[in-house]
């Protein structure tokens, strides 16, 4: 059963464990016994969620308000980073070798290619 928050006009906020079917019903205040409506005072917690999923939520929340600076990106993706530093060597305009990031390609049974990290709304050639 989830824990819901209630706000008594006289005593202030309190929490109570209630069935989900009774989520919108008012609850008796434990101090003065008057009916108190349910309120949302704190943000939901993700304690039961796996660590990887919590980290993904935190990254998404952070990126919506404050994108990473170049220094923050370089700190988390240093030399030898497996997600962005591996790949083919190509020549740039000056003729020097540059690393091109590897691209994830999937193939179906029919032989059609898919690029799951590319723009998912685009149709592949």
PDB file of N, CA and C in Angstrom:
ATOM      1  N   UNK A   1       0.842  -1.182   0.000  1.00  0.00           N
ATOM      2  CA  UNK A   1       0.000   0.000   0.000  1.00  0.00           C
ATOM      3  C   UNK A   1       0.887   1.244   0.000  1.00  0.00           C
ATOM      4  N   UNK A   2       0.500   2.255  -0.752  1.00  0.00           N
ATOM      5  CA  UNK A   2       1.297   3.483  -0.798  1.00  0.00           C
ATOM      6  C   UNK A   2       1.021   4.405   0.390  1.00  0.00           C
ATOM      7  N   UNK A   3       1.951   5.298   0.622  1.00  0.00           N
ATOM      8  CA  UNK A   3       1.822   6.305   1.674  1.00  0.00           C
ATOM      9  C   UNK A   3       1.335   7.596   1.017  1.00  0.00           C
ATOM     10  N   UNK A   4       0.266   8.165   1.549  1.00  0.00           N
ATOM     11  CA  UNK A   4      -0.290   9.414   1.030  1.00  0.00           C
ATOM     12  C   UNK A   4      -0.118  10.518   2.062  1.00  0.00           C
ATOM     13  N   UNK A   5      -0.088  11.747   1.583  1.00  0.00           N
ATOM     14  CA  UNK A   5       0.055  12.910   2.458  1.00  0.00           C
ATOM     15  C   UNK A   5      -1.297  13.620   2.576  1.00  0.00           C
ATOM     16  N   UNK A   6      -1.562  14.104   3.780  1.00  0.00           N
ATOM     17  CA  UNK A   6      -2.814  14.813   4.064  1.00  0.00           C
ATOM     18  C   UNK A   6      -2.462  16.095   4.802  1.00  0.00           C
ATOM     19  N   UNK A   7      -3.362  17.086   4.711  1.00  0.00           N
ATOM     20  CA  UNK A   7      -3.117  18.367   5.367  1.00  0.00           C
ATOM     21  C   UNK A   7      -4.322  18.745   6.221  1.00  0.00           C
ATOM     22  N   UNK A   8      -4.105  18.723   7.528  1.00  0.00           N
ATOM     23  CA  UNK A   8      -5.138  19.120   8.479  1.00  0.00           C
ATOM     24  C   UNK A   8      -5.039  20.634   8.658  1.00  0.00           C
ATOM     25  N   UNK A   9      -6.183  21.326   8.653  1.00  0.00           N
ATOM     26  CA  UNK A   9      -6.177  22.786   8.805  1.00  0.00           C
ATOM     27  C   UNK A   9      -5.651  23.211  10.171  1.00  0.00           C
ATOM     28  N   UNK A  10      -5.880  22.404  11.191  1.00  0.00           N
ATOM     29  CA  UNK A  10      -5.464  22.767  12.550  1.00  0.00           C
ATOM     30  C   UNK A  10      -4.077  22.227  12.919  1.00  0.00           C
ATOM     31  N   UNK A  11      -3.791  20.976  12.560  1.00  0.00           N
ATOM     32  CA  UNK A  11      -2.561  20.308  13.018  1.00  0.00           C
ATOM     33  C   UNK A  11      -1.423  20.318  12.002  1.00  0.00           C
ATOM     34  N   UNK A  12      -1.719  20.532  10.735  1.00  0.00           N
ATOM     35  CA  UNK A  12      -0.677  20.536   9.715  1.00  0.00           C
ATOM     36  C   UNK A  12      -0.620  19.228   8.941  1.00  0.00           C
ATOM     37  N   UNK A  13       0.476  18.997   8.211  1.00  0.00           N
ATOM     38  CA  UNK A  13       0.559  17.809   7.357  1.00  0.00           C
ATOM     39  C   UNK A  13       0.825  16.522   8.137  1.00  0.00           C
ATOM     40  N   UNK A  14       0.328  15.413   7.601  1.00  0.00           N
ATOM     41  CA  UNK A  14       0.618  14.087   8.140  1.00  0.00           C
ATOM     42  C   UNK A  14       0.547  13.073   7.007  1.00  0.00           C
ATOM     43  N   UNK A  15       1.111  11.895   7.238  1.00  0.00           N
ATOM     44  CA  UNK A  15       1.135  10.825   6.239  1.00  0.00           C
ATOM     45  C   UNK A  15       0.374   9.622   6.770  1.00  0.00           C
ATOM     46  N   UNK A  16      -0.208   8.860   5.818  1.00  0.00           N
ATOM     47  CA  UNK A  16      -0.925   7.658   6.226  1.00  0.00           C
ATOM     48  C   UNK A  16      -0.821   6.611   5.124  1.00  0.00           C
ATOM     49  N   UNK A  17      -0.784   5.371   5.525  1.00  0.00           N
ATOM     50  CA  UNK A  17      -0.723   4.237   4.612  1.00  0.00           C
ATOM     51  C   UNK A  17      -2.155   3.844   4.266  1.00  0.00           C
ATOM     52  N   UNK A  18      -2.518   3.939   2.969  1.00  0.00           N
ATOM     53  CA  UNK A  18      -3.889   3.669   2.538  1.00  0.00           C
ATOM     54  C   UNK A  18      -3.894   2.811   1.284  1.00  0.00           C
ATOM     55  N   UNK A  19      -4.971   2.060   1.031  1.00  0.00           N
ATOM     56  CA  UNK A  19      -5.088   1.317  -0.224  1.00  0.00           C
ATOM     57  C   UNK A  19      -5.226   2.292  -1.401  1.00  0.00           C
ATOM     58  N   UNK A  20      -4.796   1.871  -2.578  1.00  0.00           N
ATOM     59  CA  UNK A  20      -4.863   2.728  -3.753  1.00  0.00           C
ATOM     60  C   UNK A  20      -6.303   3.080  -4.116  1.00  0.00           C
ATOM     61  N   UNK A  21      -7.254   2.230  -3.803  1.00  0.00           N
ATOM     62  CA  UNK A  21      -8.660   2.501  -4.099  1.00  0.00           C
ATOM     63  C   UNK A  21      -9.181   3.694  -3.301  1.00  0.00           C
ATOM     64  N   UNK A  22      -8.527   4.010  -2.177  1.00  0.00           N
ATOM     65  CA  UNK A  22      -8.942   5.114  -1.317  1.00  0.00           C
ATOM     66  C   UNK A  22      -8.007   6.312  -1.428  1.00  0.00           C
ATOM     67  N   UNK A  23      -7.306   6.443  -2.557  1.00  0.00           N
ATOM     68  CA  UNK A  23      -6.281   7.487  -2.687  1.00  0.00           C
ATOM     69  C   UNK A  23      -6.847   8.904  -2.611  1.00  0.00           C
ATOM     70  N   UNK A  24      -8.046   9.142  -3.107  1.00  0.00           N
ATOM     71  CA  UNK A  24      -8.609  10.487  -3.121  1.00  0.00           C
ATOM     72  C   UNK A  24      -9.519  10.788  -1.939  1.00  0.00           C
ATOM     73  N   UNK A  25      -9.778   9.798  -1.108  1.00  0.00           N
ATOM     74  CA  UNK A  25     -10.668   9.995   0.041  1.00  0.00           C
ATOM     75  C   UNK A  25      -9.948  10.765   1.143  1.00  0.00           C
ATOM     76  N   UNK A  26     -10.659  11.657   1.846  1.00  0.00           N
ATOM     77  CA  UNK A  26     -10.036  12.342   2.988  1.00  0.00           C
ATOM     78  C   UNK A  26      -9.775  11.351   4.128  1.00  0.00           C
ATOM     79  N   UNK A  27      -8.882  11.725   5.020  1.00  0.00           N
ATOM     80  CA  UNK A  27      -8.469  10.856   6.121  1.00  0.00           C
ATOM     81  C   UNK A  27      -8.626  11.606   7.438  1.00  0.00           C
ATOM     82  N   UNK A  28      -8.945  10.885   8.495  1.00  0.00           N
ATOM     83  CA  UNK A  28      -9.041  11.505   9.824  1.00  0.00           C
ATOM     84  C   UNK A  28      -7.646  11.883  10.308  1.00  0.00           C
ATOM     85  N   UNK A  29      -7.520  13.087  10.842  1.00  0.00           N
ATOM     86  CA  UNK A  29      -6.256  13.542  11.416  1.00  0.00           C
ATOM     87  C   UNK A  29      -5.960  12.711  12.665  1.00  0.00           C
ATOM     88  N   UNK A  30      -4.737  12.234  12.835  1.00  0.00           N
ATOM     89  CA  UNK A  30      -4.433  11.395  14.006  1.00  0.00           C
ATOM     90  C   UNK A  30      -4.454  12.177  15.326  1.00  0.00           C
ATOM     91  N   UNK A  31      -4.383  13.517  15.276  1.00  0.00           N
ATOM     92  CA  UNK A  31      -4.353  14.319  16.503  1.00  0.00           C
ATOM     93  C   UNK A  31      -5.737  14.827  16.905  1.00  0.00           C
ATOM     94  N   UNK A  32      -6.453  15.461  15.954  1.00  0.00           N
ATOM     95  CA  UNK A  32      -7.728  16.092  16.308  1.00  0.00           C
ATOM     96  C   UNK A  32      -8.949  15.371  15.727  1.00  0.00           C
ATOM     97  N   UNK A  33      -8.742  14.318  14.942  1.00  0.00           N
ATOM     98  CA  UNK A  33      -9.808  13.481  14.380  1.00  0.00           C
ATOM     99  C   UNK A  33     -10.724  14.186  13.365  1.00  0.00           C
ATOM    100  N   UNK A  34     -10.329  15.361  12.860  1.00  0.00           N
ATOM    101  CA  UNK A  34     -11.123  16.010  11.806  1.00  0.00           C
ATOM    102  C   UNK A  34     -10.694  15.452  10.452  1.00  0.00           C
ATOM    103  N   UNK A  35     -11.567  15.553   9.472  1.00  0.00           N
ATOM    104  CA  UNK A  35     -11.267  15.044   8.136  1.00  0.00           C
ATOM    105  C   UNK A  35     -10.296  15.990   7.425  1.00  0.00           C
ATOM    106  N   UNK A  36      -9.231  15.422   6.873  1.00  0.00           N
ATOM    107  CA  UNK A  36      -8.211  16.213   6.173  1.00  0.00           C
ATOM    108  C   UNK A  36      -8.112  15.728   4.731  1.00  0.00           C
ATOM    109  N   UNK A  37      -8.050  16.641   3.761  1.00  0.00           N
ATOM    110  CA  UNK A  37      -7.942  16.238   2.358  1.00  0.00           C
ATOM    111  C   UNK A  37      -6.529  15.773   2.012  1.00  0.00           C
ATOM    112  N   UNK A  38      -6.437  14.968   0.980  1.00  0.00           N
ATOM    113  CA  UNK A  38      -5.133  14.507   0.499  1.00  0.00           C
ATOM    114  C   UNK A  38      -4.468  15.646  -0.256  1.00  0.00           C
ATOM    115  N   UNK A  39      -3.156  15.808  -0.055  1.00  0.00           N
ATOM    116  CA  UNK A  39      -2.359  16.820  -0.751  1.00  0.00           C
ATOM    117  C   UNK A  39      -1.070  16.167  -1.242  1.00  0.00           C
ATOM    118  N   UNK A  40      -0.391  16.821  -2.160  1.00  0.00           N
ATOM    119  CA  UNK A  40       0.916  16.360  -2.635  1.00  0.00           C
ATOM    120  C   UNK A  40       1.924  17.422  -2.220  1.00  0.00           C
ATOM    121  N   UNK A  41       2.690  17.126  -1.187  1.00  0.00           N
ATOM    122  CA  UNK A  41       3.646  18.085  -0.638  1.00  0.00           C
ATOM    123  C   UNK A  41       5.080  17.808  -1.076  1.00  0.00           C
ATOM    124  N   UNK A  42       5.410  16.549  -1.337  1.00  0.00           N
ATOM    125  CA  UNK A  42       6.770  16.195  -1.744  1.00  0.00           C
ATOM    126  C   UNK A  42       6.731  15.444  -3.065  1.00  0.00           C
ATOM    127  N   UNK A  43       7.836  15.493  -3.772  1.00  0.00           N
ATOM    128  CA  UNK A  43       7.941  14.778  -5.044  1.00  0.00           C
ATOM    129  C   UNK A  43       8.024  13.280  -4.788  1.00  0.00           C
ATOM    130  N   UNK A  44       7.551  12.456  -5.726  1.00  0.00           N
ATOM    131  CA  UNK A  44       7.639  11.004  -5.549  1.00  0.00           C
ATOM    132  C   UNK A  44       9.096  10.549  -5.452  1.00  0.00           C
ATOM    133  N   UNK A  45       9.333   9.522  -4.663  1.00  0.00           N
ATOM    134  CA  UNK A  45      10.676   8.947  -4.530  1.00  0.00           C
ATOM    135  C   UNK A  45      10.771   7.682  -5.355  1.00  0.00           C
ATOM    136  N   UNK A  46      11.965   7.366  -5.769  1.00  0.00           N
ATOM    137  CA  UNK A  46      12.200   6.198  -6.600  1.00  0.00           C
ATOM    138  C   UNK A  46      13.059   5.174  -5.862  1.00  0.00           C
ATOM    139  N   UNK A  47      12.761   4.928  -4.586  1.00  0.00           N
ATOM    140  CA  UNK A  47      13.572   4.015  -3.793  1.00  0.00           C
ATOM    141  C   UNK A  47      13.499   2.577  -4.283  1.00  0.00           C
ATOM    142  N   UNK A  48      12.372   2.163  -4.816  1.00  0.00           N
ATOM    143  CA  UNK A  48      12.205   0.780  -5.246  1.00  0.00           C
ATOM    144  C   UNK A  48      12.740   0.544  -6.657  1.00  0.00           C
ATOM    145  N   UNK A  49      13.134   1.591  -7.339  1.00  0.00           N
ATOM    146  CA  UNK A  49      13.592   1.493  -8.718  1.00  0.00           C
ATOM    147  C   UNK A  49      15.060   1.037  -8.764  1.00  0.00           C
ATOM    148  N   UNK A  50      15.445   0.234  -9.758  1.00  0.00           N
ATOM    149  CA  UNK A  50      16.847  -0.171  -9.882  1.00  0.00           C
ATOM    150  C   UNK A  50      17.768   1.045 -10.064  1.00  0.00           C
ATOM    151  N   UNK A  51      19.014   0.911  -9.641  1.00  0.00           N
ATOM    152  CA  UNK A  51      19.967   2.021  -9.663  1.00  0.00           C
ATOM    153  C   UNK A  51      20.163   2.578 -11.070  1.00  0.00           C
ATOM    154  N   UNK A  52      20.224   1.712 -12.083  1.00  0.00           N
ATOM    155  CA  UNK A  52      20.447   2.186 -13.452  1.00  0.00           C
ATOM    156  C   UNK A  52      19.298   3.073 -13.921  1.00  0.00           C
ATOM    157  N   UNK A  53      18.100   2.680 -13.572  1.00  0.00           N
ATOM    158  CA  UNK A  53      16.925   3.447 -13.986  1.00  0.00           C
ATOM    159  C   UNK A  53      16.869   4.785 -13.237  1.00  0.00           C
ATOM    160  N   UNK A  54      17.219   4.776 -11.940  1.00  0.00           N
ATOM    161  CA  UNK A  54      17.254   6.027 -11.177  1.00  0.00           C
ATOM    162  C   UNK A  54      18.270   6.985 -11.778  1.00  0.00           C
ATOM    163  N   UNK A  55      19.438   6.450 -12.165  1.00  0.00           N
ATOM    164  CA  UNK A  55      20.480   7.292 -12.775  1.00  0.00           C
ATOM    165  C   UNK A  55      19.994   7.872 -14.098  1.00  0.00           C
ATOM    166  N   UNK A  56      19.302   7.063 -14.897  1.00  0.00           N
ATOM    167  CA  UNK A  56      18.766   7.553 -16.171  1.00  0.00           C
ATOM    168  C   UNK A  56      17.747   8.660 -15.942  1.00  0.00           C
ATOM    169  N   UNK A  57      16.881   8.505 -14.940  1.00  0.00           N
ATOM    170  CA  UNK A  57      15.916   9.549 -14.624  1.00  0.00           C
ATOM    171  C   UNK A  57      16.631  10.827 -14.185  1.00  0.00           C
ATOM    172  N   UNK A  58      17.670  10.678 -13.374  1.00  0.00           N
ATOM    173  CA  UNK A  58      18.412  11.852 -12.908  1.00  0.00           C
ATOM    174  C   UNK A  58      19.092  12.571 -14.065  1.00  0.00           C
ATOM    175  N   UNK A  59      19.673  11.815 -14.989  1.00  0.00           N
ATOM    176  CA  UNK A  59      20.328  12.418 -16.156  1.00  0.00           C
ATOM    177  C   UNK A  59      19.302  13.140 -17.018  1.00  0.00           C
ATOM    178  N   UNK A  60      18.155  12.511 -17.265  1.00  0.00           N
ATOM    179  CA  UNK A  60      17.114  13.147 -18.062  1.00  0.00           C
ATOM    180  C   UNK A  60      16.600  14.412 -17.392  1.00  0.00           C
ATOM    181  N   UNK A  61      16.387  14.364 -16.096  1.00  0.00           N
ATOM    182  CA  UNK A  61      15.896  15.539 -15.379  1.00  0.00           C
ATOM    183  C   UNK A  61      16.917  16.661 -15.420  1.00  0.00           C
ATOM    184  N   UNK A  62      18.193  16.328 -15.216  1.00  0.00           N
ATOM    185  CA  UNK A  62      19.246  17.333 -15.235  1.00  0.00           C
ATOM    186  C   UNK A  62      19.384  17.942 -16.627  1.00  0.00           C
ATOM    187  N   UNK A  63      19.303  17.104 -17.660  1.00  0.00           N
ATOM    188  CA  UNK A  63      19.529  17.600 -19.014  1.00  0.00           C
ATOM    189  C   UNK A  63      18.381  18.471 -19.506  1.00  0.00           C
ATOM    190  N   UNK A  64      17.195  18.328 -18.960  1.00  0.00           N
ATOM    191  CA  UNK A  64      16.098  19.175 -19.412  1.00  0.00           C
ATOM    192  C   UNK A  64      16.245  20.598 -18.906  1.00  0.00           C
ATOM    193  N   UNK A  65      16.935  20.774 -17.792  1.00  0.00           N
ATOM    194  CA  UNK A  65      17.058  22.111 -17.220  1.00  0.00           C
ATOM    195  C   UNK A  65      18.438  22.722 -17.437  1.00  0.00           C
ATOM    196  N   UNK A  66      19.478  21.928 -17.371  1.00  0.00           N
ATOM    197  CA  UNK A  66      20.838  22.444 -17.488  1.00  0.00           C
ATOM    198  C   UNK A  66      21.686  21.442 -18.267  1.00  0.00           C
ATOM    199  N   UNK A  67      21.810  21.633 -19.577  1.00  0.00           N
ATOM    200  CA  UNK A  67      22.638  20.705 -20.355  1.00  0.00           C
ATOM    201  C   UNK A  67      24.088  20.715 -19.879  1.00  0.00           C
ATOM    202  N   UNK A  68      24.784  19.621 -20.135  1.00  0.00           N
ATOM    203  CA  UNK A  68      26.180  19.522 -19.736  1.00  0.00           C
ATOM    204  C   UNK A  68      27.030  20.515 -20.524  1.00  0.00           C
ATOM    205  N   UNK A  69      28.017  21.082 -19.837  1.00  0.00           N
ATOM    206  CA  UNK A  69      28.992  21.914 -20.529  1.00  0.00           C
ATOM    207  C   UNK A  69      30.004  20.989 -21.198  1.00  0.00           C
ATOM    208  N   UNK A  70      30.831  21.538 -22.063  1.00  0.00           N
ATOM    209  CA  UNK A  70      31.845  20.733 -22.734  1.00  0.00           C
ATOM    210  C   UNK A  70      32.810  20.129 -21.717  1.00  0.00           C
ATOM    211  N   UNK A  71      33.160  20.898 -20.692  1.00  0.00           N
ATOM    212  CA  UNK A  71      34.070  20.380 -19.661  1.00  0.00           C
ATOM    213  C   UNK A  71      33.441  19.206 -18.914  1.00  0.00           C
ATOM    214  N   UNK A  72      32.146  19.286 -18.598  1.00  0.00           N
ATOM    215  CA  UNK A  72      31.467  18.185 -17.916  1.00  0.00           C
ATOM    216  C   UNK A  72      31.397  16.959 -18.812  1.00  0.00           C
ATOM    217  N   UNK A  73      31.146  17.162 -20.102  1.00  0.00           N
ATOM    218  CA  UNK A  73      31.082  16.045 -21.040  1.00  0.00           C
ATOM    219  C   UNK A  73      32.445  15.372 -21.148  1.00  0.00           C
ATOM    220  N   UNK A  74      33.511  16.172 -21.284  1.00  0.00           N
ATOM    221  CA  UNK A  74      34.860  15.597 -21.402  1.00  0.00           C
ATOM    222  C   UNK A  74      35.265  14.867 -20.133  1.00  0.00           C
ATOM    223  N   UNK A  75      34.810  15.347 -18.973  1.00  0.00           N
ATOM    224  CA  UNK A  75      35.145  14.684 -17.717  1.00  0.00           C
ATOM    225  C   UNK A  75      34.510  13.298 -17.641  1.00  0.00           C
ATOM    226  N   UNK A  76      33.300  13.148 -18.185  1.00  0.00           N
ATOM    227  CA  UNK A  76      32.639  11.846 -18.132  1.00  0.00           C
ATOM    228  C   UNK A  76      32.987  10.968 -19.333  1.00  0.00           C
ATOM    229  N   UNK A  77      33.503  11.551 -20.415  1.00  0.00           N
ATOM    230  CA  UNK A  77      33.876  10.814 -21.621  1.00  0.00           C
ATOM    231  C   UNK A  77      35.334  11.114 -21.967  1.00  0.00           C
ATOM    232  N   UNK A  78      36.223  10.621 -21.146  1.00  0.00           N
ATOM    233  CA  UNK A  78      37.643  10.881 -21.337  1.00  0.00           C
ATOM    234  C   UNK A  78      38.247   9.999 -22.418  1.00  0.00           C
ATOM    235  N   UNK A  79      39.573  10.038 -22.539  1.00  0.00           N
ATOM    236  CA  UNK A  79      40.250   9.200 -23.530  1.00  0.00           C
ATOM    237  C   UNK A  79      39.986   7.722 -23.264  1.00  0.00           C
ATOM    238  N   UNK A  80      39.707   6.988 -24.303  1.00  0.00           N
ATOM    239  CA  UNK A  80      39.441   5.566 -24.168  1.00  0.00           C
ATOM    240  C   UNK A  80      38.009   5.240 -23.805  1.00  0.00           C
ATOM    241  N   UNK A  81      37.142   6.227 -23.830  1.00  0.00           N
ATOM    242  CA  UNK A  81      35.727   5.996 -23.524  1.00  0.00           C
ATOM    243  C   UNK A  81      35.148   5.059 -24.573  1.00  0.00           C
ATOM    244  N   UNK A  82      34.503   3.999 -24.145  1.00  0.00           N
ATOM    245  CA  UNK A  82      33.981   3.003 -25.069  1.00  0.00           C
ATOM    246  C   UNK A  82      32.790   3.468 -25.880  1.00  0.00           C
ATOM    247  N   UNK A  83      32.068   4.468 -25.408  1.00  0.00           N
ATOM    248  CA  UNK A  83      30.854   4.866 -26.118  1.00  0.00           C
ATOM    249  C   UNK A  83      31.120   5.848 -27.249  1.00  0.00           C
ATOM    250  N   UNK A  84      32.229   6.571 -27.214  1.00  0.00           N
ATOM    251  CA  UNK A  84      32.399   7.584 -28.251  1.00  0.00           C
ATOM    252  C   UNK A  84      33.815   7.673 -28.818  1.00  0.00           C
ATOM    253  N   UNK A  85      34.786   6.948 -28.291  1.00  0.00           N
ATOM    254  CA  UNK A  85      36.146   7.101 -28.799  1.00  0.00           C
ATOM    255  C   UNK A  85      36.587   5.958 -29.705  1.00  0.00           C
ATOM    256  N   UNK A  86      35.801   4.887 -29.793  1.00  0.00           N
ATOM    257  CA  UNK A  86      36.187   3.797 -30.673  1.00  0.00           C
ATOM    258  C   UNK A  86      35.609   4.031 -32.057  1.00  0.00           C
ATOM    259  N   UNK A  87      36.186   3.431 -33.043  1.00  0.00           N
ATOM    260  CA  UNK A  87      35.648   3.584 -34.389  1.00  0.00           C
ATOM    261  C   UNK A  87      36.734   3.510 -35.433  1.00  0.00           C
ATOM    262  N   UNK A  88      36.363   3.876 -36.666  1.00  0.00           N
ATOM    263  CA  UNK A  88      37.276   3.806 -37.794  1.00  0.00           C
ATOM    264  C   UNK A  88      38.166   5.030 -37.839  1.00  0.00           C
ATOM    265  N   UNK A  89      39.322   4.876 -38.471  1.00  0.00           N
ATOM    266  CA  UNK A  89      40.214   6.004 -38.690  1.00  0.00           C
ATOM    267  C   UNK A  89      39.954   6.540 -40.087  1.00  0.00           C
ATOM    268  N   UNK A  90      39.728   7.850 -40.185  1.00  0.00           N
ATOM    269  CA  UNK A  90      39.476   8.504 -41.466  1.00  0.00           C
ATOM    270  C   UNK A  90      40.415   9.685 -41.608  1.00  0.00           C
ATOM    271  N   UNK A  91      40.626  10.115 -42.837  1.00  0.00           N
ATOM    272  CA  UNK A  91      41.479  11.272 -43.103  1.00  0.00           C
ATOM    273  C   UNK A  91      40.619  12.531 -43.083  1.00  0.00           C
ATOM    274  N   UNK A  92      41.136  13.587 -42.423  1.00  0.00           N
ATOM    275  CA  UNK A  92      40.411  14.856 -42.455  1.00  0.00           C
ATOM    276  C   UNK A  92      40.912  15.706 -43.619  1.00  0.00           C
ATOM    277  N   UNK A  93      40.500  16.967 -43.716  1.00  0.00           N
ATOM    278  CA  UNK A  93      40.861  17.844 -44.829  1.00  0.00           C
ATOM    279  C   UNK A  93      42.362  18.046 -44.955  1.00  0.00           C
ATOM    280  N   UNK A  94      43.068  18.023 -43.827  1.00  0.00           N
ATOM    281  CA  UNK A  94      44.522  18.243 -43.826  1.00  0.00           C
ATOM    282  C   UNK A  94      45.309  16.959 -44.069  1.00  0.00           C
ATOM    283  N   UNK A  95      44.630  15.839 -44.187  1.00  0.00           N
ATOM    284  CA  UNK A  95      45.315  14.577 -44.444  1.00  0.00           C
ATOM    285  C   UNK A  95      45.717  13.821 -43.192  1.00  0.00           C
ATOM    286  N   UNK A  96      45.410  14.334 -42.015  1.00  0.00           N
ATOM    287  CA  UNK A  96      45.786  13.629 -40.787  1.00  0.00           C
ATOM    288  C   UNK A  96      44.690  12.633 -40.400  1.00  0.00           C
ATOM    289  N   UNK A  97      45.090  11.587 -39.671  1.00  0.00           N
ATOM    290  CA  UNK A  97      44.147  10.549 -39.253  1.00  0.00           C
ATOM    291  C   UNK A  97      43.284  11.048 -38.098  1.00  0.00           C
ATOM    292  N   UNK A  98      41.995  10.785 -38.200  1.00  0.00           N
ATOM    293  CA  UNK A  98      41.044  11.121 -37.144  1.00  0.00           C
ATOM    294  C   UNK A  98      40.192   9.894 -36.857  1.00  0.00           C
ATOM    295  N   UNK A  99      39.825   9.703 -35.585  1.00  0.00           N
ATOM    296  CA  UNK A  99      38.944   8.584 -35.211  1.00  0.00           C
ATOM    297  C   UNK A  99      37.502   8.963 -35.499  1.00  0.00           C
ATOM    298  N   UNK A 100      36.796   8.079 -36.190  1.00  0.00           N
ATOM    299  CA  UNK A 100      35.376   8.272 -36.439  1.00  0.00           C
ATOM    300  C   UNK A 100      34.623   7.361 -35.482  1.00  0.00           C
ATOM    301  N   UNK A 101      33.624   7.881 -34.752  1.00  0.00           N
ATOM    302  CA  UNK A 101      32.912   7.028 -33.796  1.00  0.00           C
ATOM    303  C   UNK A 101      32.223   5.851 -34.486  1.00  0.00           C
ATOM    304  N   UNK A 102      32.244   4.723 -33.808  1.00  0.00           N
ATOM    305  CA  UNK A 102      31.571   3.532 -34.339  1.00  0.00           C
ATOM    306  C   UNK A 102      30.067   3.762 -34.321  1.00  0.00           C
ATOM    307  N   UNK A 103      29.388   3.208 -35.301  1.00  0.00           N
ATOM    308  CA  UNK A 103      27.937   3.363 -35.395  1.00  0.00           C
ATOM    309  C   UNK A 103      27.298   2.001 -35.196  1.00  0.00           C
ATOM    310  N   UNK A 104      26.320   1.950 -34.321  1.00  0.00           N
ATOM    311  CA  UNK A 104      25.628   0.704 -34.033  1.00  0.00           C
ATOM    312  C   UNK A 104      24.672   0.400 -35.175  1.00  0.00           C
ATOM    313  N   UNK A 105      24.820  -0.780 -35.755  1.00  0.00           N
ATOM    314  CA  UNK A 105      23.963  -1.203 -36.860  1.00  0.00           C
ATOM    315  C   UNK A 105      23.361  -2.552 -36.495  1.00  0.00           C
ATOM    316  N   UNK A 106      22.064  -2.675 -36.692  1.00  0.00           N
ATOM    317  CA  UNK A 106      21.397  -3.949 -36.485  1.00  0.00           C
ATOM    318  C   UNK A 106      20.859  -4.433 -37.823  1.00  0.00           C
ATOM    319  N   UNK A 107      20.736  -5.753 -37.960  1.00  0.00           N
ATOM    320  CA  UNK A 107      20.190  -6.320 -39.183  1.00  0.00           C
ATOM    321  C   UNK A 107      19.040  -7.254 -38.839  1.00  0.00           C
ATOM    322  N   UNK A 108      17.993  -7.199 -39.642  1.00  0.00           N
ATOM    323  CA  UNK A 108      16.861  -8.098 -39.458  1.00  0.00           C
ATOM    324  C   UNK A 108      17.118  -9.393 -40.221  1.00  0.00           C
ATOM    325  N   UNK A 109      16.225 -10.369 -40.113  1.00  0.00           N
ATOM    326  CA  UNK A 109      16.385 -11.631 -40.828  1.00  0.00           C
ATOM    327  C   UNK A 109      16.359 -11.433 -42.340  1.00  0.00           C
ATOM    328  N   UNK A 110      15.628 -10.403 -42.786  1.00  0.00           N
ATOM    329  CA  UNK A 110      15.546 -10.151 -44.229  1.00  0.00           C
ATOM    330  C   UNK A 110      16.769  -9.416 -44.761  1.00  0.00           C
ATOM    331  N   UNK A 111      17.667  -8.967 -43.871  1.00  0.00           N
ATOM    332  CA  UNK A 111      18.876  -8.271 -44.294  1.00  0.00           C
ATOM    333  C   UNK A 111      18.756  -6.761 -44.234  1.00  0.00           C
ATOM    334  N   UNK A 112      17.615  -6.235 -43.792  1.00  0.00           N
ATOM    335  CA  UNK A 112      17.445  -4.785 -43.696  1.00  0.00           C
ATOM    336  C   UNK A 112      18.276  -4.245 -42.538  1.00  0.00           C
ATOM    337  N   UNK A 113      18.905  -3.096 -42.767  1.00  0.00           N
ATOM    338  CA  UNK A 113      19.729  -2.479 -41.733  1.00  0.00           C
ATOM    339  C   UNK A 113      18.885  -1.546 -40.879  1.00  0.00           C
ATOM    340  N   UNK A 114      19.264  -1.437 -39.615  1.00  0.00           N
ATOM    341  CA  UNK A 114      18.633  -0.499 -38.700  1.00  0.00           C
ATOM    342  C   UNK A 114      19.695   0.220 -37.903  1.00  0.00           C
ATOM    343  N   UNK A 115      19.456   1.472 -37.602  1.00  0.00           N
ATOM    344  CA  UNK A 115      20.398   2.273 -36.833  1.00  0.00           C
ATOM    345  C   UNK A 115      19.673   2.777 -35.582  1.00  0.00           C
ATOM    346  N   UNK A 116      19.675   1.991 -34.492  1.00  0.00           N
ATOM    347  CA  UNK A 116      18.878   2.336 -33.317  1.00  0.00           C
ATOM    348  C   UNK A 116      19.308   3.629 -32.630  1.00  0.00           C
ATOM    349  N   UNK A 117      20.573   4.046 -32.778  1.00  0.00           N
ATOM    350  CA  UNK A 117      20.999   5.277 -32.127  1.00  0.00           C
ATOM    351  C   UNK A 117      20.775   6.493 -33.007  1.00  0.00           C
ATOM    352  N   UNK A 118      20.492   6.285 -34.274  1.00  0.00           N
ATOM    353  CA  UNK A 118      20.226   7.406 -35.170  1.00  0.00           C
ATOM    354  C   UNK A 118      18.816   7.920 -34.933  1.00  0.00           C
ATOM    355  N   UNK A 119      18.400   8.836 -35.718  1.00  0.00           N
ATOM    356  CA  UNK A 119      17.065   9.423 -35.573  1.00  0.00           C
ATOM    357  C   UNK A 119      16.011   8.345 -35.815  1.00  0.00           C
ATOM    358  N   UNK A 120      15.274   7.932 -34.785  1.00  0.00           N
ATOM    359  CA  UNK A 120      14.346   6.807 -34.935  1.00  0.00           C
ATOM    360  C   UNK A 120      13.144   7.128 -35.826  1.00  0.00           C
ATOM    361  N   UNK A 121      12.882   8.390 -36.068  1.00  0.00           N
ATOM    362  CA  UNK A 121      11.715   8.756 -36.873  1.00  0.00           C
ATOM    363  C   UNK A 121      12.029   8.727 -38.364  1.00  0.00           C
ATOM    364  N   UNK A 122      13.327   8.556 -38.737  1.00  0.00           N
ATOM    365  CA  UNK A 122      13.708   8.532 -40.141  1.00  0.00           C
ATOM    366  C   UNK A 122      13.730   7.091 -40.660  1.00  0.00           C
ATOM    367  N   UNK A 123      13.414   6.923 -41.911  1.00  0.00           N
ATOM    368  CA  UNK A 123      13.439   5.604 -42.539  1.00  0.00           C
ATOM    369  C   UNK A 123      14.800   5.425 -43.187  1.00  0.00           C
ATOM    370  N   UNK A 124      15.423   4.272 -42.940  1.00  0.00           N
ATOM    371  CA  UNK A 124      16.747   3.989 -43.480  1.00  0.00           C
ATOM    372  C   UNK A 124      16.644   3.686 -44.985  1.00  0.00           C
ATOM    373  N   UNK A 125      17.749   3.895 -45.679  1.00  0.00           N
ATOM    374  CA  UNK A 125      17.812   3.640 -47.117  1.00  0.00           C
ATOM    375  C   UNK A 125      18.093   2.175 -47.366  1.00  0.00           C
TER     376      UNK A 125
END
